[in-house]
Amino acid sequence: MKKTKAETDQTIKKLIEIATELFSQKGYASVSLEEIVEQAGLTRGAVYHHFKNKKGLFLAVFRYAQESIAEEINRVDEQSEDLWEQLVEGCRLFIESTSKVSVCRIVLIDGPAVLGWQTFREIDQENSMRLLQEQIEEMQEKGLFKAVTPEVITHVLSGAINEASIWVAEQENREKALTESMFAIEGILKGFKINNE
């Protein structure tokens, strides 16, 4: 009997949730499809049908993580009309979210290794990098940011923020490391600010 769209969506959601938990705990290489389908109470055929293979399932998990972080940053932006505050809090939220060991493993460690640098960058550019660049462009339009090519600033900041997230994830005192990282990130941001006080 053919599944309804709601049942299909539920199966996909279940596989992504279980795979997210396992990939974040053990890392991509240490998780087998058998383990995922056993926990989901499904067959390997369900994975092959919806995702083709383990890498396809990981891609869905990676996309979901990236989209969730972007949505959270959007929600924070809506809470303030101050563009500078939006930018700083967006950077803080990204580091805070991706420096959780489970998220860091999926988004910043296994992501580029499993999917390849090009795919990793394309998905990053659709989500967090897009929001960052839009914020920079708006700040330039309002005369708050120096007239440096927005793409350049976005790539420089994105690289710094990704590295900061990995560094914070490795520290014992993550709260202190987050504070120190944000001090450094704000220092970089102030260099582009017209009034850098």
N, C-alpha and C. Protein backbone atom coordinates (compact mmCIF):
# COMPACT_ATOMS: atom_id res chain seq x y z
N MET A 1 0.84 -1.19 0.00
CA MET A 1 0.00 0.00 0.00
C MET A 1 0.88 1.26 0.00
N LYS A 2 0.53 2.19 -0.87
CA LYS A 2 1.33 3.41 -1.00
C LYS A 2 1.16 4.31 0.22
N LYS A 3 2.28 4.87 0.68
CA LYS A 3 2.26 5.76 1.84
C LYS A 3 1.71 7.13 1.47
N THR A 4 1.03 7.76 2.42
CA THR A 4 0.57 9.14 2.21
C THR A 4 1.76 10.07 2.33
N LYS A 5 1.59 11.32 1.89
CA LYS A 5 2.67 12.30 1.99
C LYS A 5 3.04 12.53 3.46
N ALA A 6 2.02 12.57 4.33
CA ALA A 6 2.28 12.78 5.77
C ALA A 6 3.11 11.64 6.34
N GLU A 7 2.82 10.41 5.93
CA GLU A 7 3.59 9.25 6.41
C GLU A 7 5.02 9.28 5.88
N THR A 8 5.16 9.67 4.61
CA THR A 8 6.49 9.79 4.01
C THR A 8 7.31 10.85 4.73
N ASP A 9 6.69 12.02 4.96
CA ASP A 9 7.37 13.11 5.67
C ASP A 9 7.79 12.67 7.07
N GLN A 10 6.93 11.90 7.73
CA GLN A 10 7.22 11.42 9.08
C GLN A 10 8.41 10.46 9.07
N THR A 11 8.48 9.60 8.06
CA THR A 11 9.60 8.66 7.91
C THR A 11 10.91 9.42 7.71
N ILE A 12 10.87 10.41 6.82
CA ILE A 12 12.06 11.23 6.54
C ILE A 12 12.52 11.95 7.79
N LYS A 13 11.56 12.55 8.50
CA LYS A 13 11.87 13.29 9.73
C LYS A 13 12.51 12.37 10.77
N LYS A 14 11.95 11.18 10.92
CA LYS A 14 12.45 10.21 11.89
C LYS A 14 13.89 9.80 11.56
N LEU A 15 14.15 9.51 10.28
CA LEU A 15 15.50 9.13 9.87
C LEU A 15 16.50 10.26 10.11
N ILE A 16 16.10 11.49 9.80
CA ILE A 16 17.00 12.64 10.00
C ILE A 16 17.28 12.84 11.49
N GLU A 17 16.26 12.72 12.33
CA GLU A 17 16.44 12.92 13.78
C GLU A 17 17.37 11.87 14.37
N ILE A 18 17.14 10.60 14.02
CA ILE A 18 17.98 9.52 14.56
C ILE A 18 19.40 9.62 14.02
N ALA A 19 19.52 9.90 12.72
CA ALA A 19 20.86 10.04 12.12
C ALA A 19 21.60 11.23 12.73
N THR A 20 20.90 12.33 12.99
CA THR A 20 21.52 13.50 13.62
C THR A 20 22.11 13.13 14.97
N GLU A 21 21.32 12.41 15.75
CA GLU A 21 21.79 12.01 17.08
C GLU A 21 23.02 11.11 16.99
N LEU A 22 22.97 10.13 16.10
CA LEU A 22 24.09 9.18 15.98
C LEU A 22 25.34 9.84 15.37
N PHE A 23 25.16 10.63 14.30
CA PHE A 23 26.31 11.31 13.68
C PHE A 23 26.96 12.28 14.67
N SER A 24 26.14 12.95 15.48
CA SER A 24 26.70 13.93 16.42
C SER A 24 27.44 13.24 17.56
N GLN A 25 26.97 12.07 17.97
CA GLN A 25 27.61 11.35 19.07
C GLN A 25 28.88 10.63 18.63
N LYS A 26 28.83 9.98 17.48
CA LYS A 26 29.92 9.10 17.08
C LYS A 26 30.76 9.60 15.91
N GLY A 27 30.21 10.52 15.13
CA GLY A 27 30.88 10.94 13.90
C GLY A 27 30.41 10.08 12.74
N TYR A 28 30.44 10.66 11.56
CA TYR A 28 29.92 10.00 10.35
C TYR A 28 30.54 8.62 10.12
N ALA A 29 31.85 8.54 10.20
CA ALA A 29 32.55 7.29 9.86
C ALA A 29 32.20 6.13 10.77
N SER A 30 31.82 6.42 12.01
CA SER A 30 31.56 5.35 12.99
C SER A 30 30.10 4.93 13.07
N VAL A 31 29.27 5.48 12.21
CA VAL A 31 27.84 5.14 12.22
C VAL A 31 27.52 4.32 10.98
N SER A 32 26.84 3.20 11.20
CA SER A 32 26.44 2.36 10.05
C SER A 32 24.97 2.59 9.72
N LEU A 33 24.61 2.31 8.49
CA LEU A 33 23.19 2.41 8.09
C LEU A 33 22.34 1.44 8.91
N GLU A 34 22.90 0.28 9.20
CA GLU A 34 22.17 -0.72 9.99
C GLU A 34 21.76 -0.15 11.34
N GLU A 35 22.69 0.58 11.96
CA GLU A 35 22.42 1.17 13.27
C GLU A 35 21.29 2.19 13.18
N ILE A 36 21.31 3.00 12.13
CA ILE A 36 20.28 4.03 11.95
C ILE A 36 18.92 3.41 11.73
N VAL A 37 18.84 2.45 10.79
CA VAL A 37 17.52 1.86 10.48
C VAL A 37 17.00 1.01 11.64
N GLU A 38 17.92 0.39 12.38
CA GLU A 38 17.48 -0.40 13.54
C GLU A 38 16.82 0.49 14.58
N GLN A 39 17.46 1.64 14.88
CA GLN A 39 16.87 2.57 15.85
C GLN A 39 15.58 3.19 15.34
N ALA A 40 15.49 3.36 14.02
CA ALA A 40 14.28 3.97 13.43
C ALA A 40 13.16 2.94 13.26
N GLY A 41 13.50 1.66 13.40
CA GLY A 41 12.50 0.61 13.20
C GLY A 41 12.09 0.52 11.74
N LEU A 42 13.05 0.81 10.85
CA LEU A 42 12.79 0.79 9.41
C LEU A 42 13.76 -0.17 8.72
N THR A 43 13.69 -0.23 7.40
CA THR A 43 14.60 -1.07 6.63
C THR A 43 15.62 -0.20 5.91
N ARG A 44 16.71 -0.84 5.45
CA ARG A 44 17.70 -0.12 4.64
C ARG A 44 17.03 0.46 3.40
N GLY A 45 16.04 -0.24 2.91
CA GLY A 45 15.32 0.21 1.72
C GLY A 45 14.71 1.60 1.90
N ALA A 46 14.29 1.93 3.13
CA ALA A 46 13.71 3.25 3.40
C ALA A 46 14.76 4.34 3.21
N VAL A 47 15.98 4.06 3.66
CA VAL A 47 17.08 5.03 3.48
C VAL A 47 17.40 5.17 2.00
N TYR A 48 17.53 4.04 1.32
CA TYR A 48 17.85 4.07 -0.11
C TYR A 48 16.76 4.81 -0.91
N HIS A 49 15.51 4.59 -0.51
CA HIS A 49 14.38 5.21 -1.22
C HIS A 49 14.40 6.74 -1.07
N HIS A 50 14.64 7.21 0.16
CA HIS A 50 14.55 8.65 0.43
C HIS A 50 15.87 9.40 0.25
N PHE A 51 17.00 8.72 0.49
CA PHE A 51 18.29 9.43 0.50
C PHE A 51 19.36 8.80 -0.39
N LYS A 52 19.07 7.65 -0.99
CA LYS A 52 20.00 6.91 -1.86
C LYS A 52 21.07 6.14 -1.09
N ASN A 53 21.72 6.80 -0.10
CA ASN A 53 22.78 6.13 0.66
C ASN A 53 23.06 6.91 1.95
N LYS A 54 24.04 6.45 2.68
CA LYS A 54 24.39 7.08 3.97
C LYS A 54 24.83 8.53 3.77
N LYS A 55 25.60 8.77 2.72
CA LYS A 55 26.06 10.14 2.44
C LYS A 55 24.87 11.06 2.13
N GLY A 56 23.90 10.55 1.41
CA GLY A 56 22.70 11.33 1.11
C GLY A 56 21.93 11.67 2.37
N LEU A 57 21.87 10.73 3.30
CA LEU A 57 21.21 10.98 4.58
C LEU A 57 22.00 12.01 5.37
N PHE A 58 23.33 11.91 5.35
CA PHE A 58 24.15 12.90 6.06
C PHE A 58 23.94 14.29 5.46
N LEU A 59 23.83 14.37 4.14
CA LEU A 59 23.58 15.66 3.48
C LEU A 59 22.29 16.28 4.01
N ALA A 60 21.25 15.47 4.17
CA ALA A 60 19.97 15.96 4.71
C ALA A 60 20.14 16.44 6.15
N VAL A 61 20.91 15.70 6.94
CA VAL A 61 21.18 16.08 8.34
C VAL A 61 21.95 17.40 8.37
N PHE A 62 22.95 17.54 7.51
CA PHE A 62 23.77 18.75 7.45
C PHE A 62 22.92 19.95 7.04
N ARG A 63 22.10 19.78 6.01
CA ARG A 63 21.21 20.87 5.56
C ARG A 63 20.27 21.30 6.68
N TYR A 64 19.70 20.31 7.37
CA TYR A 64 18.77 20.61 8.46
C TYR A 64 19.46 21.41 9.56
N ALA A 65 20.69 21.03 9.91
CA ALA A 65 21.44 21.75 10.95
C ALA A 65 21.72 23.18 10.52
N GLN A 66 22.17 23.36 9.28
CA GLN A 66 22.47 24.70 8.76
C GLN A 66 21.22 25.57 8.73
N GLU A 67 20.11 25.00 8.25
CA GLU A 67 18.86 25.76 8.15
C GLU A 67 18.34 26.14 9.53
N SER A 68 18.48 25.24 10.50
CA SER A 68 18.02 25.52 11.87
C SER A 68 18.79 26.68 12.49
N ILE A 69 20.11 26.70 12.26
CA ILE A 69 20.94 27.79 12.79
C ILE A 69 20.54 29.11 12.13
N ALA A 70 20.34 29.09 10.81
CA ALA A 70 19.95 30.31 10.08
C ALA A 70 18.60 30.83 10.57
N GLU A 71 17.65 29.92 10.81
CA GLU A 71 16.33 30.32 11.31
C GLU A 71 16.45 30.96 12.69
N GLU A 72 17.30 30.39 13.54
CA GLU A 72 17.50 30.94 14.89
C GLU A 72 18.11 32.33 14.82
N ILE A 73 19.07 32.54 13.92
CA ILE A 73 19.68 33.85 13.75
C ILE A 73 18.64 34.85 13.26
N ASN A 74 17.78 34.42 12.34
CA ASN A 74 16.69 35.28 11.85
C ASN A 74 15.77 35.71 12.98
N ARG A 75 15.45 34.77 13.88
CA ARG A 75 14.57 35.09 15.02
C ARG A 75 15.23 36.13 15.92
N VAL A 76 16.52 36.00 16.16
CA VAL A 76 17.23 36.95 17.01
C VAL A 76 17.25 38.33 16.36
N ASP A 77 17.47 38.36 15.03
CA ASP A 77 17.48 39.63 14.30
C ASP A 77 16.16 40.38 14.45
N GLU A 78 15.06 39.63 14.49
CA GLU A 78 13.73 40.24 14.58
C GLU A 78 13.48 40.87 15.94
N GLN A 79 14.29 40.52 16.93
CA GLN A 79 14.09 41.04 18.29
C GLN A 79 14.71 42.42 18.50
N SER A 80 15.52 42.88 17.54
CA SER A 80 16.17 44.19 17.69
C SER A 80 16.18 44.91 16.35
N GLU A 81 16.05 46.23 16.39
CA GLU A 81 16.13 47.03 15.16
C GLU A 81 17.52 47.63 14.98
N ASP A 82 18.38 47.44 15.98
CA ASP A 82 19.74 47.96 15.94
C ASP A 82 20.60 47.03 15.07
N LEU A 83 21.04 47.51 13.91
CA LEU A 83 21.77 46.66 12.97
C LEU A 83 23.09 46.14 13.54
N TRP A 84 23.78 46.98 14.31
CA TRP A 84 25.05 46.55 14.91
C TRP A 84 24.79 45.42 15.91
N GLU A 85 23.76 45.59 16.73
CA GLU A 85 23.41 44.57 17.72
C GLU A 85 23.00 43.27 17.02
N GLN A 86 22.26 43.38 15.91
CA GLN A 86 21.86 42.20 15.15
C GLN A 86 23.09 41.44 14.65
N LEU A 87 24.07 42.19 14.13
CA LEU A 87 25.28 41.58 13.58
C LEU A 87 26.07 40.86 14.67
N VAL A 88 26.30 41.55 15.77
CA VAL A 88 27.08 40.96 16.87
C VAL A 88 26.37 39.75 17.46
N GLU A 89 25.06 39.89 17.71
CA GLU A 89 24.31 38.78 18.30
C GLU A 89 24.19 37.60 17.34
N GLY A 90 24.10 37.89 16.03
CA GLY A 90 24.07 36.82 15.04
C GLY A 90 25.37 36.02 15.05
N CYS A 91 26.50 36.73 15.14
CA CYS A 91 27.80 36.05 15.23
C CYS A 91 27.90 35.24 16.51
N ARG A 92 27.45 35.83 17.62
CA ARG A 92 27.49 35.13 18.91
C ARG A 92 26.64 33.85 18.86
N LEU A 93 25.44 33.98 18.31
CA LEU A 93 24.53 32.84 18.24
C LEU A 93 25.10 31.73 17.37
N PHE A 94 25.73 32.10 16.25
CA PHE A 94 26.32 31.09 15.37
C PHE A 94 27.42 30.33 16.12
N ILE A 95 28.31 31.07 16.79
CA ILE A 95 29.40 30.40 17.52
C ILE A 95 28.84 29.55 18.65
N GLU A 96 27.87 30.10 19.37
CA GLU A 96 27.27 29.37 20.48
C GLU A 96 26.61 28.08 19.99
N SER A 97 25.88 28.16 18.87
CA SER A 97 25.18 26.98 18.33
C SER A 97 26.14 25.95 17.78
N THR A 98 27.08 26.39 16.97
CA THR A 98 27.96 25.43 16.29
C THR A 98 29.10 24.95 17.17
N SER A 99 29.33 25.58 18.32
CA SER A 99 30.40 25.11 19.19
C SER A 99 29.91 24.02 20.15
N LYS A 100 28.60 23.74 20.14
CA LYS A 100 28.13 22.57 20.88
C LYS A 100 28.79 21.38 20.19
N VAL A 101 29.40 20.52 20.95
CA VAL A 101 30.22 19.46 20.38
C VAL A 101 29.46 18.66 19.33
N SER A 102 28.18 18.36 19.60
CA SER A 102 27.39 17.56 18.67
C SER A 102 27.19 18.29 17.34
N VAL A 103 26.85 19.57 17.40
CA VAL A 103 26.61 20.35 16.18
C VAL A 103 27.92 20.60 15.45
N CYS A 104 28.97 20.91 16.20
CA CYS A 104 30.29 21.18 15.61
C CYS A 104 30.76 20.00 14.77
N ARG A 105 30.55 18.80 15.29
CA ARG A 105 30.99 17.60 14.57
C ARG A 105 30.28 17.49 13.22
N ILE A 106 28.97 17.72 13.21
CA ILE A 106 28.20 17.61 11.96
C ILE A 106 28.49 18.76 11.01
N VAL A 107 28.42 20.00 11.53
CA VAL A 107 28.47 21.18 10.65
C VAL A 107 29.88 21.55 10.21
N LEU A 108 30.85 21.52 11.13
CA LEU A 108 32.17 22.05 10.81
C LEU A 108 33.28 21.01 10.64
N ILE A 109 33.07 19.80 11.15
CA ILE A 109 34.13 18.80 11.04
C ILE A 109 33.76 17.76 9.96
N ASP A 110 32.66 17.02 10.18
CA ASP A 110 32.27 16.02 9.19
C ASP A 110 31.69 16.67 7.93
N GLY A 111 31.04 17.82 8.08
CA GLY A 111 30.43 18.49 6.93
C GLY A 111 31.36 18.62 5.74
N PRO A 112 32.47 19.38 5.89
CA PRO A 112 33.38 19.52 4.75
C PRO A 112 34.09 18.22 4.38
N ALA A 113 34.37 17.37 5.36
CA ALA A 113 35.09 16.12 5.08
C ALA A 113 34.23 15.14 4.27
N VAL A 114 32.96 15.02 4.64
CA VAL A 114 32.07 14.05 3.99
C VAL A 114 31.51 14.58 2.68
N LEU A 115 31.08 15.83 2.68
CA LEU A 115 30.39 16.39 1.51
C LEU A 115 31.34 17.00 0.50
N GLY A 116 32.55 17.31 0.93
CA GLY A 116 33.49 18.01 0.05
C GLY A 116 33.36 19.51 0.26
N TRP A 117 34.45 20.21 0.06
CA TRP A 117 34.50 21.64 0.35
C TRP A 117 33.48 22.44 -0.46
N GLN A 118 33.30 22.07 -1.73
CA GLN A 118 32.41 22.84 -2.60
C GLN A 118 30.96 22.76 -2.12
N THR A 119 30.49 21.55 -1.86
CA THR A 119 29.10 21.37 -1.37
C THR A 119 28.92 22.03 -0.02
N PHE A 120 29.92 21.87 0.86
CA PHE A 120 29.87 22.50 2.18
C PHE A 120 29.69 24.01 2.04
N ARG A 121 30.49 24.63 1.18
CA ARG A 121 30.43 26.09 1.00
C ARG A 121 29.11 26.54 0.38
N GLU A 122 28.61 25.77 -0.59
CA GLU A 122 27.35 26.13 -1.24
C GLU A 122 26.21 26.16 -0.23
N ILE A 123 26.14 25.15 0.64
CA ILE A 123 25.06 25.10 1.63
C ILE A 123 25.26 26.18 2.68
N ASP A 124 26.50 26.42 3.08
CA ASP A 124 26.80 27.49 4.04
C ASP A 124 26.39 28.84 3.46
N GLN A 125 26.65 29.03 2.16
CA GLN A 125 26.32 30.31 1.51
C GLN A 125 24.81 30.50 1.38
N GLU A 126 24.06 29.40 1.32
CA GLU A 126 22.60 29.50 1.25
C GLU A 126 22.00 29.89 2.60
N ASN A 127 22.74 29.70 3.66
CA ASN A 127 22.18 29.87 5.01
C ASN A 127 22.89 30.99 5.77
N SER A 128 23.82 30.64 6.66
CA SER A 128 24.44 31.63 7.55
C SER A 128 25.21 32.71 6.79
N MET A 129 25.97 32.31 5.76
CA MET A 129 26.75 33.30 5.02
C MET A 129 25.84 34.28 4.28
N ARG A 130 24.72 33.79 3.79
CA ARG A 130 23.76 34.66 3.11
C ARG A 130 23.23 35.72 4.08
N LEU A 131 22.85 35.28 5.28
CA LEU A 131 22.35 36.23 6.29
C LEU A 131 23.42 37.24 6.66
N LEU A 132 24.65 36.77 6.81
CA LEU A 132 25.76 37.66 7.17
C LEU A 132 25.97 38.70 6.08
N GLN A 133 25.99 38.26 4.83
CA GLN A 133 26.23 39.21 3.74
C GLN A 133 25.08 40.21 3.61
N GLU A 134 23.84 39.75 3.78
CA GLU A 134 22.70 40.67 3.72
C GLU A 134 22.80 41.72 4.81
N GLN A 135 23.23 41.31 6.00
CA GLN A 135 23.38 42.23 7.12
C GLN A 135 24.45 43.28 6.81
N ILE A 136 25.57 42.84 6.26
CA ILE A 136 26.67 43.75 5.92
C ILE A 136 26.23 44.74 4.84
N GLU A 137 25.52 44.22 3.83
CA GLU A 137 25.04 45.10 2.75
C GLU A 137 24.09 46.17 3.29
N GLU A 138 23.21 45.76 4.19
CA GLU A 138 22.26 46.73 4.78
C GLU A 138 23.00 47.78 5.60
N MET A 139 24.02 47.34 6.34
CA MET A 139 24.79 48.28 7.15
C MET A 139 25.57 49.26 6.28
N GLN A 140 26.05 48.78 5.13
CA GLN A 140 26.74 49.68 4.20
C GLN A 140 25.77 50.69 3.61
N GLU A 141 24.57 50.23 3.26
CA GLU A 141 23.55 51.14 2.71
C GLU A 141 23.18 52.24 3.70
N LYS A 142 23.21 51.90 5.00
CA LYS A 142 22.86 52.88 6.04
C LYS A 142 24.07 53.71 6.47
N GLY A 143 25.23 53.48 5.83
CA GLY A 143 26.42 54.25 6.15
C GLY A 143 27.10 53.84 7.45
N LEU A 144 26.87 52.60 7.88
CA LEU A 144 27.45 52.12 9.15
C LEU A 144 28.73 51.31 8.95
N PHE A 145 28.91 50.79 7.74
CA PHE A 145 30.05 49.93 7.45
C PHE A 145 30.86 50.54 6.31
N LYS A 146 32.17 50.34 6.35
CA LYS A 146 33.05 50.85 5.30
C LYS A 146 32.72 50.18 3.96
N ALA A 147 32.99 50.89 2.88
CA ALA A 147 32.65 50.41 1.53
C ALA A 147 33.66 49.39 1.02
N VAL A 148 33.77 48.28 1.72
CA VAL A 148 34.61 47.16 1.27
C VAL A 148 33.63 46.16 0.65
N THR A 149 34.06 45.45 -0.39
CA THR A 149 33.17 44.50 -1.06
C THR A 149 32.53 43.56 -0.02
N PRO A 150 31.19 43.52 0.04
CA PRO A 150 30.51 42.70 1.05
C PRO A 150 30.92 41.24 1.04
N GLU A 151 31.19 40.68 -0.19
CA GLU A 151 31.59 39.27 -0.27
C GLU A 151 32.90 39.02 0.47
N VAL A 152 33.82 39.99 0.37
CA VAL A 152 35.12 39.84 1.04
C VAL A 152 34.93 39.81 2.54
N ILE A 153 34.19 40.79 3.05
CA ILE A 153 33.94 40.85 4.50
C ILE A 153 33.24 39.57 4.97
N THR A 154 32.26 39.12 4.20
CA THR A 154 31.50 37.92 4.57
C THR A 154 32.41 36.71 4.67
N HIS A 155 33.28 36.51 3.68
CA HIS A 155 34.16 35.35 3.70
C HIS A 155 35.20 35.42 4.82
N VAL A 156 35.72 36.61 5.07
CA VAL A 156 36.70 36.79 6.16
C VAL A 156 36.03 36.49 7.50
N LEU A 157 34.86 37.07 7.72
CA LEU A 157 34.15 36.85 8.99
C LEU A 157 33.71 35.40 9.15
N SER A 158 33.20 34.82 8.07
CA SER A 158 32.73 33.44 8.13
C SER A 158 33.87 32.50 8.52
N GLY A 159 35.03 32.70 7.91
CA GLY A 159 36.19 31.87 8.26
C GLY A 159 36.58 32.02 9.72
N ALA A 160 36.58 33.27 10.20
CA ALA A 160 36.94 33.53 11.60
C ALA A 160 35.92 32.91 12.55
N ILE A 161 34.65 33.05 12.20
CA ILE A 161 33.58 32.54 13.07
C ILE A 161 33.59 31.01 13.10
N ASN A 162 33.80 30.37 11.94
CA ASN A 162 33.86 28.90 11.91
C ASN A 162 35.02 28.38 12.76
N GLU A 163 36.18 29.01 12.62
CA GLU A 163 37.35 28.59 13.40
C GLU A 163 37.13 28.83 14.89
N ALA A 164 36.50 29.96 15.22
CA ALA A 164 36.20 30.26 16.63
C ALA A 164 35.27 29.19 17.20
N SER A 165 34.29 28.77 16.41
CA SER A 165 33.34 27.74 16.87
C SER A 165 34.05 26.43 17.20
N ILE A 166 34.96 26.01 16.32
CA ILE A 166 35.72 24.78 16.56
C ILE A 166 36.58 24.92 17.80
N TRP A 167 37.24 26.09 17.95
CA TRP A 167 38.09 26.32 19.11
C TRP A 167 37.28 26.29 20.41
N VAL A 168 36.12 26.97 20.41
CA VAL A 168 35.26 26.99 21.61
C VAL A 168 34.82 25.58 21.96
N ALA A 169 34.46 24.78 20.95
CA ALA A 169 34.00 23.40 21.19
C ALA A 169 35.07 22.55 21.87
N GLU A 170 36.33 22.89 21.64
CA GLU A 170 37.45 22.10 22.20
C GLU A 170 37.83 22.52 23.62
N GLN A 171 37.30 23.64 24.11
CA GLN A 171 37.69 24.16 25.42
C GLN A 171 36.86 23.56 26.55
N GLU A 172 37.49 23.42 27.71
CA GLU A 172 36.75 22.92 28.88
C GLU A 172 35.72 23.93 29.34
N ASN A 173 36.13 25.19 29.43
CA ASN A 173 35.21 26.25 29.85
C ASN A 173 34.68 26.95 28.59
N ARG A 174 33.59 26.40 28.04
CA ARG A 174 33.05 26.92 26.79
C ARG A 174 32.50 28.34 26.93
N GLU A 175 31.94 28.65 28.10
CA GLU A 175 31.37 29.99 28.31
C GLU A 175 32.47 31.05 28.25
N LYS A 176 33.58 30.78 28.92
CA LYS A 176 34.73 31.70 28.91
C LYS A 176 35.30 31.81 27.50
N ALA A 177 35.40 30.66 26.82
CA ALA A 177 35.94 30.66 25.46
C ALA A 177 35.04 31.43 24.50
N LEU A 178 33.73 31.33 24.69
CA LEU A 178 32.78 32.07 23.86
C LEU A 178 32.96 33.57 24.06
N THR A 179 33.11 33.99 25.32
CA THR A 179 33.31 35.40 25.64
C THR A 179 34.60 35.91 24.98
N GLU A 180 35.67 35.14 25.09
CA GLU A 180 36.95 35.54 24.49
C GLU A 180 36.85 35.60 22.96
N SER A 181 36.16 34.62 22.38
CA SER A 181 35.99 34.60 20.93
C SER A 181 35.21 35.82 20.45
N MET A 182 34.15 36.16 21.18
CA MET A 182 33.33 37.30 20.78
C MET A 182 34.09 38.61 20.93
N PHE A 183 34.99 38.68 21.90
CA PHE A 183 35.83 39.88 22.05
C PHE A 183 36.67 40.05 20.77
N ALA A 184 37.23 38.93 20.29
CA ALA A 184 38.05 38.97 19.07
C ALA A 184 37.20 39.28 17.84
N ILE A 185 36.03 38.64 17.73
CA ILE A 185 35.15 38.88 16.57
C ILE A 185 34.68 40.33 16.54
N GLU A 186 34.30 40.85 17.70
CA GLU A 186 33.86 42.26 17.74
C GLU A 186 35.00 43.19 17.35
N GLY A 187 36.23 42.82 17.70
CA GLY A 187 37.40 43.62 17.30
C GLY A 187 37.52 43.68 15.78
N ILE A 188 37.30 42.53 15.13
CA ILE A 188 37.33 42.48 13.66
C ILE A 188 36.20 43.33 13.09
N LEU A 189 35.00 43.15 13.62
CA LEU A 189 33.84 43.90 13.13
C LEU A 189 34.03 45.41 13.26
N LYS A 190 34.58 45.85 14.39
CA LYS A 190 34.77 47.28 14.61
C LYS A 190 35.73 47.89 13.60
N GLY A 191 36.63 47.07 13.05
CA GLY A 191 37.53 47.56 12.03
C GLY A 191 36.81 47.98 10.75
N PHE A 192 35.64 47.40 10.52
CA PHE A 192 34.85 47.74 9.33
C PHE A 192 33.79 48.80 9.62
N LYS A 193 33.58 49.10 10.89
CA LYS A 193 32.54 50.05 11.27
C LYS A 193 32.98 51.48 10.98
N ILE A 194 32.07 52.31 10.49
CA ILE A 194 32.41 53.72 10.20
C ILE A 194 32.77 54.43 11.49
N ASN A 195 31.90 54.32 12.49
CA ASN A 195 32.21 54.86 13.81
C ASN A 195 32.56 53.66 14.67
N ASN A 196 33.86 53.41 14.85
CA ASN A 196 34.28 52.14 15.48
C ASN A 196 34.41 52.19 16.99
N GLU A 197 33.61 53.01 17.61
CA GLU A 197 33.65 53.06 19.09
C GLU A 197 32.94 51.85 19.65
